[in-house]
Amino acid sequence: MNEWRVIDTGFIGAAENMALDKTILRVVNEKKSPPTLRFMFFDKPVILVGYNQNVADEVKVEYCIENKIPINRRITGGGAILMDRGALGWELVAQKDVLPKGPVENMYKLLCEGCVNALQKLGVDAKFRPHNDIEINGRKVSGSGGTEEGDTFLYHGSLLIDFNVELMLKTLNTPLEKLKDKAVDSFKERMTWLSRECNSVPKVDELKESLTKEFSNVLGFNFVYGDITEYEKKQYNDNLNYFRSDNWIYQNIRKKKKEYHSSIYKAAGGCIRTYLIFDRNEYISQAVINGDFFVYPSRLLRDFESMLKNCRVKDIESKTNEFFNAQKWEIPGVTPADFITAIKMAIVSE
C-alpha cells in the first residue's frame, strides 16, 4: 500500500486555505511531497465561489463587506458556498493513477464513498447522491469537487456539522430567495447538517479518524500523520498575497449580473413553479422546482433538481425523460412533459 501524509491545518482564513490548496496540489505534482489528506477549517464565516463563477452573480457583496465576511475563490469549480466554524473540510491530493479508469463520475463515486462509509461507521445513515453529493434522509450534507495539475488531482468536500441557514440567505444569491418567507424552510428541505440529524453528534476528532480510515480503505493507502514541509511553507508564503488580491477574487467579472429565470405553469395536478440560473446561457447552474401537487416519493423533486444542475439547455427534454423513466414515481395530474414545458417557459422568460 502507498503511504499518504495526513495533515490538519486548523482554523485559518479563506485566502490561507485557498493558497494551501494550490500549494499542496503543485508540490505533490512536483513529487516533492507525498500524496496528502488534509483536514481544513475556517476561522470565521466566509463565502467561497467556484473557480468559473462571477462574484457579483453569486454573492451579496455589499452585505458581506458591511458585515466583514470575507469572499474568496476556490481553485475548483462548482457553486458558491458559505463555510464557517461548523463545517469540516477534507481534501485528497495525489497522482491520478490511484483513481478508477473511465468518466470523472467514477472518481466522484469512489471518493464520496470514503466519506459515506466514514459517516456510516459512526451511525449516520449517509448515502451517495450522483453526481458528487452525500445525503442524509434525502437532504444534502456534503458537496464535493475537484481540479488537477499535471498528473495530479485535488478533490475536496465540505461536511456540515452545524449550519447557519439565515446567514447563507443573507450572503448568497439563490433562487430560494424568490420563495420569500418560505426560503428557510425550502432550504431545509434540500440540505441538512449533522447536529440536525444526529441525537449524538460525532466529535470532530471522531469524524477525522473515521474519514482517514475509510479513505485509506477505498484508495488503498497507509496513513502517516505529518505537517506542512518547509518547501511548502515557502511556496505558500509566495502565493498568499495573490490569493488575497482582487485580481484572484474578482476575476470572471461580467458587466451584466446573472438573472433568475422563472415560470408558473398550471398542470392538471397543480402549479409548477420553476426558478433557474444559467451559466453562459448553455448550462443550468441552479434549479428550484416547487408546486402545490403531491409527489411520491417525497424526495423526487430534490433528485430532479440535482439532475438538472449542469445540464445543457438543449438536453432538457431528453434528460428529463431519462430521469423519470429510470425510477418509480407518482405525481397525480403531473407528467414529465409538464416539467419540460415549465422549464422551457422559465428558459425563455425575461
Protein backbone atom coordinates (compact mmCIF):
# COMPACT_ATOMS: atom_id res chain seq x y z
CA MET A 1 0.00 0.00 0.00
CA ASN A 2 1.10 3.57 -0.70
CA GLU A 3 1.93 5.84 2.21
CA TRP A 4 -0.04 9.07 2.45
CA ARG A 5 0.51 12.07 4.68
CA VAL A 6 -2.42 13.23 6.84
CA ILE A 7 -2.33 16.86 7.98
CA ASP A 8 -4.69 19.14 9.88
CA THR A 9 -4.08 22.82 9.18
CA GLY A 10 -6.56 24.02 11.81
CA PHE A 11 -8.75 27.12 11.82
CA ILE A 12 -7.38 29.64 9.33
CA GLY A 13 -8.72 32.23 6.89
CA ALA A 14 -10.21 31.88 3.42
CA ALA A 15 -7.16 33.14 1.49
CA GLU A 16 -4.88 30.98 3.60
CA ASN A 17 -6.90 27.84 2.85
CA MET A 18 -7.08 28.61 -0.87
CA ALA A 19 -3.33 29.27 -1.01
CA LEU A 20 -2.70 25.93 0.72
CA ASP A 21 -4.91 24.15 -1.82
CA LYS A 22 -2.80 25.48 -4.67
CA THR A 23 0.49 24.92 -2.88
CA ILE A 24 -0.15 21.29 -1.93
CA LEU A 25 -1.51 20.44 -5.39
CA ARG A 26 1.55 21.92 -7.08
CA VAL A 27 4.11 20.40 -4.73
CA VAL A 28 2.55 16.92 -4.83
CA ASN A 29 2.54 17.18 -8.62
CA GLU A 30 6.25 18.05 -8.46
CA LYS A 31 6.65 14.87 -6.33
CA LYS A 32 8.29 16.94 -3.61
CA SER A 33 5.58 15.94 -1.13
CA PRO A 34 3.71 12.66 -0.70
CA PRO A 35 0.01 12.14 -1.53
CA THR A 36 -1.92 14.04 1.10
CA LEU A 37 -5.18 14.00 3.01
CA ARG A 38 -5.75 17.44 4.53
CA PHE A 39 -8.40 18.47 7.05
CA MET A 40 -9.26 22.15 6.86
CA PHE A 41 -11.34 24.59 8.88
CA PHE A 42 -12.28 28.27 8.59
CA ASP A 43 -11.79 30.66 11.49
CA LYS A 44 -14.90 32.72 10.64
CA PRO A 45 -17.80 32.63 8.16
CA VAL A 46 -16.51 33.00 4.59
CA ILE A 47 -18.02 32.90 1.12
CA LEU A 48 -16.25 30.78 -1.49
CA VAL A 49 -17.26 31.00 -5.14
CA GLY A 50 -16.35 28.35 -7.69
CA TYR A 51 -13.38 29.00 -9.96
CA ASN A 52 -15.54 29.75 -13.01
CA GLN A 53 -18.12 31.93 -11.26
CA ASN A 54 -18.71 35.68 -11.24
CA VAL A 55 -18.75 37.04 -7.68
CA ALA A 56 -21.49 39.59 -8.42
CA ASP A 57 -23.76 36.84 -9.72
CA GLU A 58 -23.38 34.60 -6.71
CA VAL A 59 -22.73 36.85 -3.70
CA LYS A 60 -24.44 39.76 -1.96
CA VAL A 61 -21.19 41.66 -1.97
CA GLU A 62 -22.36 44.79 -0.15
CA TYR A 63 -23.77 42.76 2.73
CA CYS A 64 -20.54 40.77 3.04
CA ILE A 65 -18.39 43.91 3.02
CA GLU A 66 -20.60 45.67 5.58
CA ASN A 67 -20.51 42.64 7.86
CA LYS A 68 -16.83 41.84 7.31
CA ILE A 69 -17.50 38.42 5.79
CA PRO A 70 -14.53 37.51 3.56
CA ILE A 71 -15.14 36.47 -0.04
CA ASN A 72 -12.70 34.24 -1.89
CA ARG A 73 -12.45 31.94 -4.89
CA ARG A 74 -11.72 28.21 -4.90
CA ILE A 75 -9.28 26.66 -7.34
CA THR A 76 -12.02 24.12 -8.10
CA GLY A 77 -15.29 24.66 -9.96
CA GLY A 78 -18.80 24.26 -8.62
CA GLY A 79 -21.12 26.67 -6.87
CA ALA A 80 -20.79 29.36 -4.23
CA ILE A 81 -20.94 28.17 -0.62
CA LEU A 82 -20.88 29.52 2.91
CA MET A 83 -18.23 27.93 5.12
CA ASP A 84 -17.88 28.63 8.81
CA ARG A 85 -16.60 27.04 12.00
CA GLY A 86 -19.40 24.47 11.81
CA ALA A 87 -18.01 22.86 8.63
CA LEU A 88 -15.25 20.27 8.37
CA GLY A 89 -13.35 20.40 5.10
CA TRP A 90 -11.39 17.45 3.73
CA GLU A 91 -9.26 17.16 0.62
CA LEU A 92 -7.28 14.46 -1.14
CA VAL A 93 -4.27 15.26 -3.33
CA ALA A 94 -2.46 12.51 -5.22
CA GLN A 95 -1.38 11.23 -8.61
CA LYS A 96 -4.28 10.31 -10.87
CA ASP A 97 -3.14 6.72 -11.26
CA VAL A 98 -4.80 5.86 -7.93
CA LEU A 99 -8.21 6.66 -9.45
CA PRO A 100 -10.54 4.30 -11.34
CA LYS A 101 -10.49 4.43 -15.12
CA GLY A 102 -13.37 5.89 -17.07
CA PRO A 103 -15.50 9.03 -16.74
CA VAL A 104 -14.95 11.53 -13.95
CA GLU A 105 -18.17 10.35 -12.27
CA ASN A 106 -16.28 7.17 -11.32
CA MET A 107 -13.86 9.29 -9.30
CA TYR A 108 -16.71 11.21 -7.66
CA LYS A 109 -18.40 8.00 -6.57
CA LEU A 110 -15.22 6.36 -5.23
CA LEU A 111 -14.05 9.35 -3.20
CA CYS A 112 -17.51 10.18 -1.87
CA GLU A 113 -17.83 6.56 -0.78
CA GLY A 114 -14.95 7.15 1.62
CA CYS A 115 -16.90 9.92 3.32
CA VAL A 116 -20.17 7.94 3.21
CA ASN A 117 -18.51 4.91 4.80
CA ALA A 118 -16.93 7.09 7.48
CA LEU A 119 -20.29 8.55 8.46
CA GLN A 120 -21.99 5.15 8.42
CA LYS A 121 -19.34 3.73 10.76
CA LEU A 122 -20.33 6.49 13.19
CA GLY A 123 -24.00 5.56 12.98
CA VAL A 124 -25.04 8.23 10.45
CA ASP A 125 -27.34 6.99 7.66
CA ALA A 126 -25.43 8.70 4.84
CA LYS A 127 -25.71 7.84 1.15
CA PHE A 128 -24.03 8.89 -2.09
CA ARG A 129 -26.13 11.05 -4.43
CA PRO A 130 -24.88 11.34 -8.02
CA HIS A 131 -23.05 13.25 -9.26
CA ASN A 132 -20.96 14.38 -6.29
CA ASP A 133 -23.08 14.87 -3.17
CA ILE A 134 -23.66 13.00 0.09
CA GLU A 135 -27.08 12.99 1.69
CA ILE A 136 -28.88 12.05 4.88
CA ASN A 137 -32.60 11.30 4.63
CA GLY A 138 -32.66 12.74 1.12
CA ARG A 139 -31.02 16.04 2.13
CA LYS A 140 -27.54 17.12 1.08
CA VAL A 141 -24.99 17.20 3.93
CA SER A 142 -21.80 17.33 1.88
CA GLY A 143 -20.79 18.62 -1.54
CA SER A 144 -17.50 17.97 -3.29
CA GLY A 145 -15.49 18.73 -6.40
CA GLY A 146 -12.00 18.75 -7.81
CA THR A 147 -9.35 20.03 -10.14
CA GLU A 148 -5.99 18.84 -11.47
CA GLU A 149 -2.48 19.95 -12.30
CA GLY A 150 -0.27 17.80 -14.47
CA ASP A 151 -0.85 14.17 -13.50
CA THR A 152 -2.16 15.08 -10.02
CA PHE A 153 -5.69 15.64 -8.79
CA LEU A 154 -7.15 17.57 -5.86
CA TYR A 155 -10.59 16.52 -4.67
CA HIS A 156 -12.22 18.15 -1.68
CA GLY A 157 -15.52 18.27 0.15
CA SER A 158 -17.27 20.05 2.99
CA LEU A 159 -19.12 18.18 5.72
CA LEU A 160 -21.69 20.29 7.57
CA ILE A 161 -21.66 19.67 11.30
CA ASP A 162 -23.73 22.77 12.03
CA PHE A 163 -25.04 25.45 9.69
CA ASN A 164 -26.47 28.97 9.71
CA VAL A 165 -29.25 28.98 7.10
CA GLU A 166 -30.21 32.59 7.72
CA LEU A 167 -26.65 33.80 7.12
CA MET A 168 -26.44 31.81 3.89
CA LEU A 169 -29.59 33.51 2.57
CA LYS A 170 -28.20 36.93 3.55
CA THR A 171 -24.87 36.38 1.80
CA LEU A 172 -25.62 34.33 -1.33
CA ASN A 173 -27.84 34.97 -4.32
CA THR A 174 -30.04 31.91 -4.63
CA PRO A 175 -33.31 31.00 -6.35
CA LEU A 176 -34.69 30.23 -2.90
CA GLU A 177 -34.88 33.99 -2.30
CA LYS A 178 -37.78 34.04 -4.72
CA LEU A 179 -39.76 31.96 -2.25
CA LYS A 180 -39.63 34.90 0.18
CA ASP A 181 -40.91 33.84 3.63
CA LYS A 182 -40.60 30.17 2.69
CA ALA A 183 -36.90 30.42 1.80
CA VAL A 184 -35.55 28.96 5.05
CA ASP A 185 -37.98 26.05 5.03
CA SER A 186 -37.29 25.40 1.33
CA PHE A 187 -33.55 25.32 2.01
CA LYS A 188 -34.04 22.91 4.91
CA GLU A 189 -35.92 20.57 2.56
CA ARG A 190 -32.80 20.34 0.42
CA MET A 191 -29.84 20.47 2.80
CA THR A 192 -29.04 19.37 6.33
CA TRP A 193 -26.24 19.09 8.89
CA LEU A 194 -25.14 16.55 11.47
CA SER A 195 -26.39 18.43 14.53
CA ARG A 196 -29.84 18.38 12.97
CA GLU A 197 -29.82 14.70 12.05
CA CYS A 198 -27.97 13.04 14.94
CA ASN A 199 -29.11 12.56 18.53
CA SER A 200 -25.44 12.37 19.44
CA VAL A 201 -23.25 14.38 17.06
CA PRO A 202 -19.86 12.76 16.37
CA LYS A 203 -16.94 14.76 17.73
CA VAL A 204 -14.62 16.39 15.18
CA ASP A 205 -11.75 14.09 16.16
CA GLU A 206 -14.01 11.06 15.64
CA LEU A 207 -15.02 12.34 12.21
CA LYS A 208 -11.40 12.92 11.19
CA GLU A 209 -10.31 9.49 12.40
CA SER A 210 -13.19 7.74 10.62
CA LEU A 211 -12.61 9.70 7.40
CA THR A 212 -8.91 8.85 7.45
CA LYS A 213 -9.58 5.12 7.89
CA GLU A 214 -12.26 4.95 5.20
CA PHE A 215 -10.34 7.00 2.63
CA SER A 216 -7.45 4.63 3.36
CA ASN A 217 -9.72 1.67 2.64
CA VAL A 218 -11.20 2.94 -0.64
CA LEU A 219 -7.87 4.22 -2.01
CA GLY A 220 -5.58 1.56 -0.57
CA PHE A 221 -3.07 3.62 1.36
CA ASN A 222 -1.40 3.64 4.76
CA PHE A 223 -1.59 6.98 6.51
CA VAL A 224 1.10 8.77 8.49
CA TYR A 225 0.35 11.96 10.41
CA GLY A 226 2.57 14.78 9.24
CA ASP A 227 2.82 18.52 8.68
CA ILE A 228 3.49 21.11 6.01
CA THR A 229 7.10 20.96 4.81
CA GLU A 230 9.48 23.92 4.76
CA TYR A 231 9.39 23.88 0.96
CA GLU A 232 5.58 24.04 1.04
CA LYS A 233 5.70 26.90 3.55
CA LYS A 234 7.89 28.90 1.16
CA GLN A 235 5.58 28.21 -1.79
CA TYR A 236 2.57 29.08 0.36
CA ASN A 237 4.07 32.38 1.50
CA ASP A 238 4.90 33.24 -2.11
CA ASN A 239 1.28 32.55 -3.15
CA LEU A 240 -0.64 34.05 -0.24
CA ASN A 241 -0.78 37.69 -1.33
CA TYR A 242 -2.18 36.68 -4.72
CA PHE A 243 -4.99 34.70 -3.08
CA ARG A 244 -5.80 37.79 -1.01
CA SER A 245 -5.92 40.04 -4.06
CA ASP A 246 -8.89 41.38 -6.01
CA ASN A 247 -7.28 40.01 -9.16
CA TRP A 248 -7.86 36.50 -7.82
CA ILE A 249 -11.16 37.00 -6.03
CA TYR A 250 -13.00 39.17 -8.57
CA GLN A 251 -11.90 37.61 -11.84
CA ASN A 252 -14.56 36.48 -14.35
CA ILE A 253 -16.45 39.75 -13.84
CA ARG A 254 -19.20 40.43 -16.36
CA LYS A 255 -20.98 43.74 -16.79
CA LYS A 256 -24.42 42.16 -16.64
CA LYS A 257 -25.38 40.35 -13.49
CA LYS A 258 -26.77 36.86 -13.82
CA GLU A 259 -30.56 36.87 -13.70
CA TYR A 260 -33.04 34.35 -12.39
CA HIS A 261 -35.48 32.91 -14.90
CA SER A 262 -38.80 31.73 -13.57
CA SER A 263 -42.16 30.40 -14.65
CA ILE A 264 -45.50 29.30 -13.26
CA TYR A 265 -47.15 26.54 -15.24
CA LYS A 266 -50.59 25.11 -14.44
CA ALA A 267 -50.70 21.34 -14.88
CA ALA A 268 -53.78 19.24 -14.23
CA GLY A 269 -52.46 18.26 -10.80
CA GLY A 270 -51.33 21.73 -9.67
CA CYS A 271 -48.99 24.65 -10.36
CA ILE A 272 -45.32 24.03 -11.15
CA ARG A 273 -43.09 26.92 -10.05
CA THR A 274 -39.64 26.85 -11.65
CA TYR A 275 -36.60 29.02 -10.87
CA LEU A 276 -33.42 28.69 -12.94
CA ILE A 277 -29.97 30.25 -13.19
CA PHE A 278 -27.82 29.71 -16.29
CA ASP A 279 -24.08 29.71 -16.99
CA ARG A 280 -23.29 31.31 -20.34
CA ASN A 281 -26.87 30.52 -21.46
CA GLU A 282 -25.75 26.96 -22.11
CA TYR A 283 -26.00 25.15 -18.77
CA ILE A 284 -28.39 25.23 -15.86
CA SER A 285 -26.26 26.05 -12.82
CA GLN A 286 -29.11 26.09 -10.29
CA ALA A 287 -32.70 24.86 -10.34
CA VAL A 288 -35.50 25.04 -7.79
CA ILE A 289 -38.85 23.41 -8.55
CA ASN A 290 -41.86 23.70 -6.27
CA GLY A 291 -45.60 23.33 -6.53
CA ASP A 292 -48.87 22.53 -4.83
CA PHE A 293 -49.04 18.95 -6.16
CA PHE A 294 -48.40 15.65 -4.38
CA VAL A 295 -45.11 13.84 -5.06
CA TYR A 296 -44.25 10.20 -4.33
CA PRO A 297 -41.54 9.59 -3.22
CA SER A 298 -41.23 12.95 -1.48
CA ARG A 299 -37.56 13.36 -2.45
CA LEU A 300 -38.23 13.03 -6.18
CA LEU A 301 -38.06 16.75 -6.96
CA ARG A 302 -34.84 17.21 -4.97
CA ASP A 303 -33.24 14.45 -7.07
CA PHE A 304 -34.67 16.06 -10.21
CA GLU A 305 -33.11 19.40 -9.25
CA SER A 306 -29.75 17.65 -8.72
CA MET A 307 -30.01 16.07 -12.16
CA LEU A 308 -30.75 19.45 -13.77
CA LYS A 309 -27.63 21.02 -12.27
CA ASN A 310 -25.00 21.41 -15.04
CA CYS A 311 -27.46 20.04 -17.63
CA ARG A 312 -27.18 21.58 -21.09
CA VAL A 313 -30.23 23.63 -22.01
CA LYS A 314 -30.52 21.75 -25.29
CA ASP A 315 -30.64 18.42 -23.41
CA ILE A 316 -33.51 19.33 -21.05
CA GLU A 317 -36.14 17.22 -22.76
CA SER A 318 -34.06 14.07 -23.17
CA LYS A 319 -32.53 14.27 -19.68
CA THR A 320 -35.92 14.84 -18.06
CA ASN A 321 -37.48 11.86 -19.79
CA GLU A 322 -34.44 9.74 -18.96
CA PHE A 323 -34.68 10.75 -15.28
CA PHE A 324 -38.35 9.85 -14.89
CA ASN A 325 -38.07 6.65 -16.94
CA ALA A 326 -35.30 5.38 -14.63
CA GLN A 327 -37.39 5.14 -11.45
CA LYS A 328 -40.77 4.55 -9.88
CA TRP A 329 -42.74 7.69 -9.09
CA GLU A 330 -46.21 9.15 -8.90
CA ILE A 331 -47.35 12.77 -9.19
CA PRO A 332 -51.11 12.73 -9.74
CA GLY A 333 -52.02 15.03 -12.58
CA VAL A 334 -48.43 15.99 -13.45
CA THR A 335 -46.31 14.36 -16.18
CA PRO A 336 -42.68 14.66 -17.29
CA ALA A 337 -43.99 16.67 -20.26
CA ASP A 338 -45.41 19.21 -17.80
CA PHE A 339 -42.00 19.66 -16.17
CA ILE A 340 -40.38 20.05 -19.59
CA THR A 341 -42.92 22.73 -20.50
CA ALA A 342 -42.42 24.55 -17.19
CA ILE A 343 -38.64 24.54 -17.60
CA LYS A 344 -38.83 25.74 -21.21
CA MET A 345 -41.13 28.56 -20.11
CA ALA A 346 -38.57 29.59 -17.49
CA ILE A 347 -35.76 29.44 -20.04
CA VAL A 348 -37.43 31.98 -22.34
CA SER A 349 -38.75 34.22 -19.54
CA GLU A 350 -37.36 37.72 -19.05
